[in-house]
């Protein structure tokens, strides 16, 4: 691993440097500069305000201080043409020579860091540079791929697709933003962006607000898959519409987060950005993110990057979500979710196996009731007891504290951990890798063979067997999982036994040595171990019928639209008959397979293009390049073979 860091003995007088002023404050009286605790959001969004150029006037190695004279800055008058003093060398980066300032290929730069990137790298000038150019004429760029796809679509009247892949934190979301920016520019008249193009561009902040979260590996991690379809007018090439399909949102994050992680951005944006009047209207008052269970579970007090509430509301307005009706209704629902998470339970004094509400949290239940127009006592009853039907008789089953909390969370969440979700994500990655193999290796080599062209056959790891293990009928992991999910008395042990019985000799299946509840799949990227202990419950996607019925009593139309229609879960009397009580379910794996098949059918009907994002390090920091990490990503994506 290599890291480029300046030291006091590596900087000399008269050297020109960048000072990252967004990260620091300057005492106007003394000129001493200190690192700011939190950079300003509006400055982060504007690269021109992040750094100013300065010339080193003196280096005091003994006092560990560097003195610089800043150049003129209209945005930062406290630094403009001033002599300032810095002790934190991480705020300084060496300035590139003049001939590197306009370089399009960053590999030609003397110093590669964020401050030295050309200002025009992703702006209108860059768009013009790559417009109507052969793919390999200009240096590699995301705009080159976008232009090639756009021109192929117009010239050959064939649908195109761009598959953006990579590890979490590698830059997929940012790459997608630049692709949308390019298509918006190409799909508008003389680059005057119309309302449709503006709507396309505004999808990014909205999707990120409701679908992205801070994780241990990525501060802006997309917790869902998305397929963005941009539609162009055949005659003019202008954008005529767009459709966005999402897959497998990580709903478990709504109610619990890993240590060091956060809930979805929208919760924090609301709590930080709502006006005083809005806070009163949505019953948030003076509460902050650390005072709500659903936003403090990860114990992550760092709320950097959650200031975009105004930007999110602006995106919603542009996309037709009215600011006077629909937006307030949505934020009322989000506030209701936060209050519901603060409803707590304790054992009854006389029945320790029965839960009751903690009286001090009753206020949050009342807020939930007021925000949703759902009777609070009725919804509380669904947390504390359940009507069970057996034959012609029915009785009330009382919940203990853990069960009551689970029932509370089930209103908005079905999964407690991510093992099945991770299985589905890796399943989709296998399908996308197979599509890449098919297009790059198999089809190309067949063309060479058909044309009788001599070539050295490329060896690559075909993942078809792995996909067969996961999904091929009649026996696969998915089919066995669905079969067990339909049986009333199935458990993770019966699931594990059936998996082991059927696949113990499969070359892509393995059983961990010291566990009876886990199994391993040898994916193309790596071997992954899955915990089956809650696979069945997650696959059933339980929804409490009494809760669904109560939600339907709400007079808030927005809530009514969110209630899913599902089939009933197996009961002792009838496996498929609808009931007014108990749990309902639908197979998550089957739904996901259907969505995945539709996605692959869509992609296979297009001419594909590929962008692979490479993550430079696991620390989520600039100026660090892990050779082993990058090499691993290149190997598993078969870049050396292709």
Foldseek 3Di string as FASTA:
>chain_A
DDFDFDALVNDDFFFKKKFQPQQWDADLVAQEIDGDPFGDPVQVVDLVNGIFMWGWHDGDNPVQKTWTQTDADPVCPSRHRDIHMYNDRVRIGGEWPPVQQPDQDQVPTPDDFDNSDHPCNLHPVVLVVQAPDQLPPDPDDLSSLLNVQLVCCLPVVFHEAEDEDEDWALQSLVSVLSSLVSLQQQQDDVSPRDLQSLLSNLVSVQQQQQAFWCDLQHRRGGQKDKDKAWDADNPRRHTDHIDMDIGQRALLLQQADAAQIFRGLNLQCCQPPDDCVLCVVLVVHNDHQCRFNSGCRNVHPDSHPNNCNVSNVVSCVSNPQDPVPRVSLVVSQSSLSRLLRQFAWAADPVGQQFIDTDVVSVVSLVSNCVSFVFDSVLLLVQLAWFWDDDDPDIDIGGHHRVSSSVLSSLVRDQDNDCQVVVVLVLLLVLVVLQVVCCPPAVVVVVVCVVVVHDDDHFDDDRCVLLNCQDDNPDDHLLNLLVVQLLDPPHFLLVSLVVSCVVPVPRPQKHDDDPDSQKIWGQGLLGIDIGGSRCSSSSQFSKDFLSVLVSSCPGPSVVSNVPRDDFFADQDPPGGTDHDSGDITGHGSSVVSVVVSVVVVVVNVSGHYHYDYRADQDSNSDISGGDPVRRVSRCVSSVVVSD
